[in-house]
Amino acid sequence: MSVPVLVTVDDGALGGLTAVVAALESAGLRVDRVLPEIATITGAAEPSAFAALRAVSGVDGVERAGPGFSIPHPGKGVQ
């Protein structure tokens, strides 16, 4: 079962971000968003693919994304 993933790209690889994204996809990442401003790619992958994702040239780090958060409706009471 795939899990949400955050990939941090090395600043030196940002000029070749398209190639990094393609290599990550080949290594098993389903890319959701590419955020060059913060050198981050979000997506999903099988935990067994993490080592292959970390081995991609230009990748600084790969980690499982934490749970999201939501803002309650303004009419709800204090949580």
C-alpha atoms as a PDB file:
ATOM      1  CA  MET A   1       0.000   0.000   0.000  1.00  0.00           C
ATOM      2  CA  SER A   2       1.466   3.344  -0.982  1.00  0.00           C
ATOM      3  CA  VAL A   3       2.023   6.066   1.606  1.00  0.00           C
ATOM      4  CA  PRO A   4       2.343   9.854   1.266  1.00  0.00           C
ATOM      5  CA  VAL A   5       5.936  10.936   0.657  1.00  0.00           C
ATOM      6  CA  LEU A   6       7.928  14.181   0.844  1.00  0.00           C
ATOM      7  CA  VAL A   7      11.075  14.330  -1.268  1.00  0.00           C
ATOM      8  CA  THR A   8      13.592  17.101  -0.641  1.00  0.00           C
ATOM      9  CA  VAL A   9      15.724  18.036  -3.645  1.00  0.00           C
ATOM     10  CA  ASP A  10      19.320  19.194  -3.279  1.00  0.00           C
ATOM     11  CA  ASP A  11      19.659  22.893  -4.166  1.00  0.00           C
ATOM     12  CA  GLY A  12      22.319  22.028  -6.739  1.00  0.00           C
ATOM     13  CA  ALA A  13      19.856  19.798  -8.603  1.00  0.00           C
ATOM     14  CA  LEU A  14      17.048  22.351  -8.954  1.00  0.00           C
ATOM     15  CA  GLY A  15      18.245  23.301 -12.449  1.00  0.00           C
ATOM     16  CA  GLY A  16      17.614  19.703 -13.522  1.00  0.00           C
ATOM     17  CA  LEU A  17      14.381  19.256 -11.608  1.00  0.00           C
ATOM     18  CA  THR A  18      12.570  17.716 -14.582  1.00  0.00           C
ATOM     19  CA  ALA A  19      15.156  14.929 -14.740  1.00  0.00           C
ATOM     20  CA  VAL A  20      14.945  14.369 -10.974  1.00  0.00           C
ATOM     21  CA  VAL A  21      11.148  14.056 -11.202  1.00  0.00           C
ATOM     22  CA  ALA A  22      11.429  11.574 -14.088  1.00  0.00           C
ATOM     23  CA  ALA A  23      13.978   9.479 -12.175  1.00  0.00           C
ATOM     24  CA  LEU A  24      11.778   9.478  -9.065  1.00  0.00           C
ATOM     25  CA  GLU A  25       8.808   8.307 -11.131  1.00  0.00           C
ATOM     26  CA  SER A  26      10.948   5.510 -12.589  1.00  0.00           C
ATOM     27  CA  ALA A  27      11.953   4.543  -9.038  1.00  0.00           C
ATOM     28  CA  GLY A  28       8.321   4.213  -7.940  1.00  0.00           C
ATOM     29  CA  LEU A  29       7.086   7.662  -6.889  1.00  0.00           C
ATOM     30  CA  ARG A  30       3.643   8.779  -8.024  1.00  0.00           C
ATOM     31  CA  VAL A  31       4.209  12.535  -8.144  1.00  0.00           C
ATOM     32  CA  ASP A  32       1.413  14.779  -6.900  1.00  0.00           C
ATOM     33  CA  ARG A  33       3.091  18.196  -6.771  1.00  0.00           C
ATOM     34  CA  VAL A  34       6.447  19.709  -7.643  1.00  0.00           C
ATOM     35  CA  LEU A  35       7.290  22.735  -5.490  1.00  0.00           C
ATOM     36  CA  PRO A  36      10.559  24.209  -6.813  1.00  0.00           C
ATOM     37  CA  GLU A  37      10.322  27.245  -4.528  1.00  0.00           C
ATOM     38  CA  ILE A  38      10.900  25.023  -1.510  1.00  0.00           C
ATOM     39  CA  ALA A  39      12.861  22.239  -3.280  1.00  0.00           C
ATOM     40  CA  THR A  40      10.175  19.676  -2.460  1.00  0.00           C
ATOM     41  CA  ILE A  41       8.224  17.053  -4.378  1.00  0.00           C
ATOM     42  CA  THR A  42       5.145  15.430  -2.883  1.00  0.00           C
ATOM     43  CA  GLY A  43       3.671  12.133  -3.909  1.00  0.00           C
ATOM     44  CA  ALA A  44       3.057   8.561  -2.861  1.00  0.00           C
ATOM     45  CA  ALA A  45       5.130   5.392  -2.972  1.00  0.00           C
ATOM     46  CA  GLU A  46       5.377   1.933  -1.532  1.00  0.00           C
ATOM     47  CA  PRO A  47       7.599   1.894   1.571  1.00  0.00           C
ATOM     48  CA  SER A  48       9.740  -0.731  -0.171  1.00  0.00           C
ATOM     49  CA  ALA A  49      10.655   1.905  -2.813  1.00  0.00           C
ATOM     50  CA  PHE A  50      12.146   4.390  -0.323  1.00  0.00           C
ATOM     51  CA  ALA A  51      15.725   3.138  -0.773  1.00  0.00           C
ATOM     52  CA  ALA A  52      15.458   3.483  -4.560  1.00  0.00           C
ATOM     53  CA  LEU A  53      13.992   6.979  -4.191  1.00  0.00           C
ATOM     54  CA  ARG A  54      16.838   8.020  -1.871  1.00  0.00           C
ATOM     55  CA  ALA A  55      19.361   6.729  -4.431  1.00  0.00           C
ATOM     56  CA  VAL A  56      18.125   9.111  -7.159  1.00  0.00           C
ATOM     57  CA  SER A  57      20.754  11.697  -8.042  1.00  0.00           C
ATOM     58  CA  GLY A  58      19.743  15.123  -6.744  1.00  0.00           C
ATOM     59  CA  VAL A  59      17.580  13.813  -3.914  1.00  0.00           C
ATOM     60  CA  ASP A  60      18.532  15.183  -0.509  1.00  0.00           C
ATOM     61  CA  GLY A  61      15.948  13.274   1.525  1.00  0.00           C
ATOM     62  CA  VAL A  62      12.868  11.065   1.402  1.00  0.00           C
ATOM     63  CA  GLU A  63      10.435  10.767   4.263  1.00  0.00           C
ATOM     64  CA  ARG A  64       6.956   9.570   4.902  1.00  0.00           C
ATOM     65  CA  ALA A  65       4.625  12.563   5.120  1.00  0.00           C
ATOM     66  CA  GLY A  66       2.823  13.040   8.397  1.00  0.00           C
ATOM     67  CA  PRO A  67      -0.925  13.196   8.736  1.00  0.00           C
ATOM     68  CA  GLY A  68      -2.606  16.221   7.283  1.00  0.00           C
ATOM     69  CA  PHE A  69      -4.578  18.725   9.223  1.00  0.00           C
ATOM     70  CA  SER A  70      -7.846  20.493   8.710  1.00  0.00           C
ATOM     71  CA  ILE A  71      -9.374  23.670   9.977  1.00  0.00           C
ATOM     72  CA  PRO A  72     -12.777  23.258  11.623  1.00  0.00           C
ATOM     73  CA  HIS A  73     -15.777  25.112  10.293  1.00  0.00           C
ATOM     74  CA  PRO A  74     -15.939  28.656  11.751  1.00  0.00           C
ATOM     75  CA  GLY A  75     -19.295  27.859  13.371  1.00  0.00           C
ATOM     76  CA  LYS A  76     -17.894  24.974  15.432  1.00  0.00           C
ATOM     77  CA  GLY A  77     -16.988  25.447  19.052  1.00  0.00           C
ATOM     78  CA  VAL A  78     -13.479  25.387  20.446  1.00  0.00           C
ATOM     79  CA  GLN A  79     -11.859  21.994  19.885  1.00  0.00           C
END
